C-alpha cells in the first residue's frame, strides 16, 4: 500500500472508513495492513487458503481473469457470451488513470 509512504489529505468520511477497515482487519486477522512489518503476500495467501478450506469442493471457482469467459461460464453452466471479457484494470488503463490525476 502507498498510505504509509505518501502522506495525503483525505476526506473525513473516507478516513473514518479506512480506520474502521483497518481495525476490522486487525481484530479478525491479527495484522495491520498499514504497518511496514506486515507481509501482505503472506496475508493474501493465508486468506485464500482460509477461503479454500471453508468453501465446499465444487462450490468455489478459482480463475485468472486472463482466461476470459470460459472457466466462469463452465463453472456456472451457462453459454459463453459473444463479447470480450471485461477488463478495466489493466496495467495500461491504470497507468493512464494515474497520468490523468
N, C-alpha and C. Protein backbone atom coordinates (compact mmCIF):
# COMPACT_ATOMS: atom_id res chain seq x y z
N UNK A 1 0.83 -1.18 0.00
CA UNK A 1 0.00 0.00 0.00
C UNK A 1 0.87 1.24 0.00
N UNK A 2 0.36 2.33 -0.51
CA UNK A 2 1.13 3.57 -0.53
C UNK A 2 0.81 4.46 0.67
N UNK A 3 -0.19 4.12 1.47
CA UNK A 3 -0.62 5.00 2.53
C UNK A 3 0.46 5.32 3.55
N UNK A 4 1.28 4.35 4.01
CA UNK A 4 2.29 4.73 5.00
C UNK A 4 3.43 5.54 4.38
N UNK A 5 3.58 5.49 3.07
CA UNK A 5 4.71 6.13 2.42
C UNK A 5 4.38 7.55 1.99
N UNK A 6 3.19 7.76 1.49
CA UNK A 6 2.80 9.06 0.94
C UNK A 6 1.76 9.71 1.83
N UNK A 7 2.13 10.73 2.59
CA UNK A 7 1.12 11.41 3.40
C UNK A 7 0.15 12.16 2.48
N UNK A 8 -1.13 12.09 2.79
CA UNK A 8 -2.10 12.78 1.97
C UNK A 8 -3.30 13.18 2.81
N UNK A 9 -3.94 14.21 2.37
CA UNK A 9 -5.19 14.63 2.99
C UNK A 9 -6.31 13.79 2.40
N UNK A 10 -7.20 13.32 3.25
CA UNK A 10 -8.35 12.59 2.74
C UNK A 10 -9.59 13.07 3.46
N UNK A 11 -10.72 13.01 2.78
CA UNK A 11 -11.96 13.44 3.43
C UNK A 11 -12.20 12.66 4.72
N UNK A 12 -12.80 13.31 5.70
CA UNK A 12 -13.03 12.67 7.00
C UNK A 12 -13.83 11.38 6.87
N UNK A 13 -14.84 11.38 5.99
CA UNK A 13 -15.66 10.19 5.80
C UNK A 13 -14.80 9.00 5.35
N UNK A 14 -13.88 9.24 4.41
CA UNK A 14 -13.00 8.18 3.94
C UNK A 14 -12.02 7.77 5.03
N UNK A 15 -11.49 8.76 5.75
CA UNK A 15 -10.54 8.46 6.82
C UNK A 15 -11.20 7.57 7.88
N UNK A 16 -12.45 7.87 8.24
CA UNK A 16 -13.17 7.05 9.22
C UNK A 16 -13.39 5.64 8.69
N UNK A 17 -13.78 5.53 7.40
CA UNK A 17 -13.97 4.21 6.80
C UNK A 17 -12.66 3.45 6.79
N UNK A 18 -11.58 4.11 6.38
CA UNK A 18 -10.28 3.48 6.30
C UNK A 18 -9.82 2.96 7.66
N UNK A 19 -10.00 3.78 8.70
CA UNK A 19 -9.60 3.36 10.04
C UNK A 19 -10.47 2.21 10.53
N UNK A 20 -11.77 2.27 10.23
CA UNK A 20 -12.66 1.17 10.62
C UNK A 20 -12.26 -0.13 9.94
N UNK A 21 -11.94 -0.06 8.65
CA UNK A 21 -11.49 -1.23 7.89
C UNK A 21 -10.21 -1.78 8.50
N UNK A 22 -9.30 -0.88 8.82
CA UNK A 22 -8.02 -1.29 9.42
C UNK A 22 -8.25 -2.03 10.74
N UNK A 23 -9.13 -1.49 11.58
CA UNK A 23 -9.41 -2.12 12.86
C UNK A 23 -10.06 -3.49 12.70
N UNK A 24 -10.95 -3.63 11.70
CA UNK A 24 -11.56 -4.94 11.45
C UNK A 24 -10.51 -5.96 11.02
N UNK A 25 -9.59 -5.54 10.17
CA UNK A 25 -8.53 -6.45 9.75
C UNK A 25 -7.68 -6.89 10.93
N UNK A 26 -7.35 -5.94 11.78
CA UNK A 26 -6.52 -6.27 12.94
C UNK A 26 -7.27 -7.23 13.86
N UNK A 27 -8.54 -6.94 14.14
CA UNK A 27 -9.28 -7.77 15.08
C UNK A 27 -9.58 -9.15 14.50
N UNK A 28 -9.90 -9.23 13.21
CA UNK A 28 -10.27 -10.52 12.63
C UNK A 28 -9.07 -11.36 12.25
N UNK A 29 -8.06 -10.71 11.67
CA UNK A 29 -6.94 -11.48 11.12
C UNK A 29 -5.61 -11.26 11.82
N UNK A 30 -5.57 -10.32 12.74
CA UNK A 30 -4.37 -10.13 13.53
C UNK A 30 -3.24 -9.44 12.81
N UNK A 31 -3.53 -8.66 11.77
CA UNK A 31 -2.47 -7.92 11.12
C UNK A 31 -2.92 -6.51 10.81
N UNK A 32 -1.94 -5.65 10.67
CA UNK A 32 -2.21 -4.24 10.34
C UNK A 32 -1.62 -3.97 8.96
N UNK A 33 -2.50 -3.82 7.96
CA UNK A 33 -2.01 -3.66 6.60
C UNK A 33 -1.24 -2.35 6.41
N UNK A 34 -1.34 -1.42 7.34
CA UNK A 34 -0.63 -0.16 7.23
C UNK A 34 0.73 -0.20 7.91
N UNK A 35 1.08 -1.33 8.47
CA UNK A 35 2.35 -1.46 9.16
C UNK A 35 3.43 -1.93 8.17
N UNK A 36 4.61 -1.36 8.31
CA UNK A 36 5.73 -1.76 7.45
C UNK A 36 6.14 -3.21 7.73
N UNK A 37 5.75 -3.74 8.89
CA UNK A 37 6.12 -5.11 9.25
C UNK A 37 5.19 -6.16 8.65
N UNK A 38 4.10 -5.74 8.04
CA UNK A 38 3.12 -6.68 7.51
C UNK A 38 3.55 -7.15 6.13
N UNK A 39 3.59 -8.46 5.96
CA UNK A 39 3.88 -9.05 4.66
C UNK A 39 2.55 -9.37 4.00
N UNK A 40 2.11 -8.47 3.12
CA UNK A 40 0.78 -8.62 2.51
C UNK A 40 0.68 -9.86 1.64
N UNK A 41 1.78 -10.32 1.07
CA UNK A 41 1.73 -11.55 0.27
C UNK A 41 1.37 -12.74 1.17
N UNK A 42 1.94 -12.79 2.36
CA UNK A 42 1.61 -13.87 3.29
C UNK A 42 0.15 -13.78 3.73
N UNK A 43 -0.32 -12.56 3.99
CA UNK A 43 -1.71 -12.36 4.40
C UNK A 43 -2.65 -12.80 3.28
N UNK A 44 -2.35 -12.41 2.05
CA UNK A 44 -3.15 -12.78 0.88
C UNK A 44 -3.21 -14.30 0.72
N UNK A 45 -2.07 -14.94 0.83
CA UNK A 45 -2.00 -16.40 0.69
C UNK A 45 -2.78 -17.09 1.81
N UNK A 46 -2.65 -16.60 3.04
CA UNK A 46 -3.37 -17.20 4.17
C UNK A 46 -4.88 -17.02 4.01
N UNK A 47 -5.31 -15.86 3.53
CA UNK A 47 -6.74 -15.62 3.32
C UNK A 47 -7.28 -16.57 2.25
N UNK A 48 -6.56 -16.70 1.15
CA UNK A 48 -7.01 -17.62 0.10
C UNK A 48 -7.14 -19.04 0.63
N UNK A 49 -6.18 -19.48 1.43
CA UNK A 49 -6.24 -20.83 2.00
C UNK A 49 -7.44 -20.96 2.91
N UNK A 50 -7.71 -19.92 3.70
CA UNK A 50 -8.87 -19.95 4.61
C UNK A 50 -10.17 -20.11 3.81
N UNK A 51 -10.29 -19.37 2.72
CA UNK A 51 -11.48 -19.47 1.88
C UNK A 51 -11.57 -20.87 1.25
N UNK A 52 -10.47 -21.36 0.71
CA UNK A 52 -10.47 -22.69 0.08
C UNK A 52 -10.83 -23.78 1.08
N UNK A 53 -10.36 -23.65 2.32
CA UNK A 53 -10.67 -24.65 3.35
C UNK A 53 -12.13 -24.57 3.78
N UNK A 54 -12.73 -23.39 3.72
CA UNK A 54 -14.09 -23.17 4.19
C UNK A 54 -15.15 -23.58 3.17
N UNK A 55 -14.91 -23.24 1.91
CA UNK A 55 -15.91 -23.48 0.87
C UNK A 55 -15.89 -24.95 0.45
N UNK A 56 -17.07 -25.54 0.31
CA UNK A 56 -17.17 -26.94 -0.08
C UNK A 56 -16.59 -27.14 -1.48
N UNK A 57 -15.90 -28.27 -1.69
CA UNK A 57 -15.36 -28.56 -3.02
C UNK A 57 -16.46 -28.50 -4.09
N UNK A 58 -16.15 -27.91 -5.21
CA UNK A 58 -17.11 -27.78 -6.29
C UNK A 58 -17.93 -26.49 -6.21
N UNK A 59 -17.85 -25.78 -5.08
CA UNK A 59 -18.60 -24.53 -4.92
C UNK A 59 -17.73 -23.29 -5.03
N UNK A 60 -16.46 -23.47 -5.37
CA UNK A 60 -15.54 -22.35 -5.45
C UNK A 60 -14.81 -22.39 -6.78
N UNK A 61 -14.87 -21.31 -7.50
CA UNK A 61 -14.12 -21.19 -8.75
C UNK A 61 -12.90 -20.32 -8.49
N UNK A 62 -11.75 -20.86 -8.79
CA UNK A 62 -10.51 -20.08 -8.72
C UNK A 62 -10.06 -19.92 -10.16
N UNK A 63 -10.05 -18.68 -10.61
CA UNK A 63 -9.72 -18.43 -12.02
C UNK A 63 -8.87 -17.18 -12.15
N UNK A 64 -8.23 -17.08 -13.28
CA UNK A 64 -7.48 -15.89 -13.63
C UNK A 64 -8.30 -15.14 -14.67
N UNK A 65 -8.59 -13.87 -14.46
CA UNK A 65 -9.38 -13.13 -15.45
C UNK A 65 -8.79 -13.18 -16.85
N UNK A 66 -7.50 -13.41 -16.95
CA UNK A 66 -6.87 -13.53 -18.28
C UNK A 66 -7.42 -14.72 -19.05
N UNK A 67 -8.02 -15.68 -18.34
CA UNK A 67 -8.58 -16.87 -19.00
C UNK A 67 -9.91 -16.58 -19.68
N UNK A 68 -10.47 -15.40 -19.45
CA UNK A 68 -11.69 -15.00 -20.13
C UNK A 68 -12.94 -15.67 -19.58
N UNK A 69 -13.96 -15.72 -20.42
CA UNK A 69 -15.27 -16.22 -20.03
C UNK A 69 -15.31 -17.72 -19.75
N UNK A 70 -14.49 -18.51 -20.46
CA UNK A 70 -14.66 -19.96 -20.47
C UNK A 70 -14.73 -20.60 -19.08
N UNK A 71 -13.75 -20.38 -18.19
CA UNK A 71 -13.84 -21.06 -16.88
C UNK A 71 -15.08 -20.64 -16.08
N UNK A 72 -15.41 -19.36 -16.14
CA UNK A 72 -16.56 -18.86 -15.39
C UNK A 72 -17.86 -19.46 -15.92
N UNK A 73 -18.01 -19.44 -17.24
CA UNK A 73 -19.25 -19.96 -17.83
C UNK A 73 -19.37 -21.47 -17.63
N UNK A 74 -18.25 -22.17 -17.72
CA UNK A 74 -18.28 -23.62 -17.47
C UNK A 74 -18.71 -23.89 -16.02
N UNK A 75 -18.14 -23.13 -15.09
CA UNK A 75 -18.47 -23.29 -13.67
C UNK A 75 -19.95 -23.03 -13.42
N UNK A 76 -20.50 -22.00 -14.08
CA UNK A 76 -21.91 -21.63 -13.90
C UNK A 76 -22.85 -22.40 -14.82
N UNK A 77 -22.27 -23.19 -15.71
CA UNK A 77 -23.03 -23.99 -16.68
C UNK A 77 -23.94 -23.09 -17.53
N UNK A 78 -23.33 -22.05 -18.08
CA UNK A 78 -24.05 -21.13 -18.96
C UNK A 78 -23.23 -20.94 -20.24
N UNK A 79 -23.85 -20.49 -21.32
CA UNK A 79 -23.10 -20.27 -22.55
C UNK A 79 -22.12 -19.10 -22.43
N UNK A 80 -21.05 -19.18 -23.20
CA UNK A 80 -20.05 -18.11 -23.25
C UNK A 80 -20.63 -16.94 -24.05
N UNK A 81 -20.64 -15.74 -23.50
CA UNK A 81 -21.15 -14.58 -24.25
C UNK A 81 -20.31 -14.29 -25.49
N UNK A 82 -20.89 -13.62 -26.43
CA UNK A 82 -20.20 -13.29 -27.66
C UNK A 82 -19.45 -11.97 -27.59
N UNK A 83 -19.20 -11.48 -26.41
CA UNK A 83 -18.47 -10.22 -26.25
C UNK A 83 -17.22 -10.46 -25.43
N UNK A 84 -16.23 -9.58 -25.56
CA UNK A 84 -14.98 -9.78 -24.81
C UNK A 84 -15.20 -9.74 -23.30
N UNK A 85 -14.39 -10.49 -22.59
CA UNK A 85 -14.42 -10.48 -21.13
C UNK A 85 -14.03 -9.09 -20.65
N UNK A 86 -14.76 -8.51 -19.70
CA UNK A 86 -14.46 -7.14 -19.26
C UNK A 86 -13.08 -7.04 -18.60
N UNK A 87 -12.40 -5.98 -18.91
CA UNK A 87 -11.09 -5.72 -18.31
C UNK A 87 -10.90 -4.22 -18.23
N UNK A 88 -11.07 -3.67 -17.05
CA UNK A 88 -10.90 -2.23 -16.89
C UNK A 88 -9.77 -1.88 -15.95
N UNK A 89 -9.01 -2.89 -15.52
CA UNK A 89 -7.95 -2.62 -14.57
C UNK A 89 -6.61 -3.15 -15.07
N UNK A 90 -6.37 -3.04 -16.37
CA UNK A 90 -5.09 -3.46 -16.92
C UNK A 90 -4.00 -2.49 -16.47
N UNK A 91 -2.76 -2.90 -16.60
CA UNK A 91 -1.66 -2.01 -16.25
C UNK A 91 -1.73 -0.72 -17.07
N UNK A 92 -2.08 -0.88 -18.34
CA UNK A 92 -2.15 0.28 -19.22
C UNK A 92 -3.26 1.24 -18.78
N UNK A 93 -4.44 0.68 -18.48
CA UNK A 93 -5.56 1.52 -18.05
C UNK A 93 -5.25 2.20 -16.72
N UNK A 94 -4.63 1.47 -15.81
CA UNK A 94 -4.26 2.04 -14.52
C UNK A 94 -3.27 3.18 -14.71
N UNK A 95 -2.25 2.95 -15.53
CA UNK A 95 -1.25 3.98 -15.80
C UNK A 95 -1.87 5.22 -16.42
N UNK A 96 -2.79 5.02 -17.35
CA UNK A 96 -3.46 6.16 -17.99
C UNK A 96 -4.27 6.96 -16.97
N UNK A 97 -4.96 6.26 -16.03
CA UNK A 97 -5.72 6.96 -14.99
C UNK A 97 -4.80 7.75 -14.08
N UNK A 98 -3.65 7.18 -13.74
CA UNK A 98 -2.72 7.87 -12.85
C UNK A 98 -2.13 9.12 -13.51
N UNK A 99 -1.90 9.04 -14.83
CA UNK A 99 -1.35 10.20 -15.54
C UNK A 99 -2.37 11.33 -15.63
N UNK A 100 -3.65 10.97 -15.64
CA UNK A 100 -4.73 11.98 -15.72
C UNK A 100 -4.79 12.79 -14.43
N UNK A 101 -4.55 12.15 -13.30
CA UNK A 101 -4.74 12.81 -12.00
C UNK A 101 -3.62 13.71 -11.62
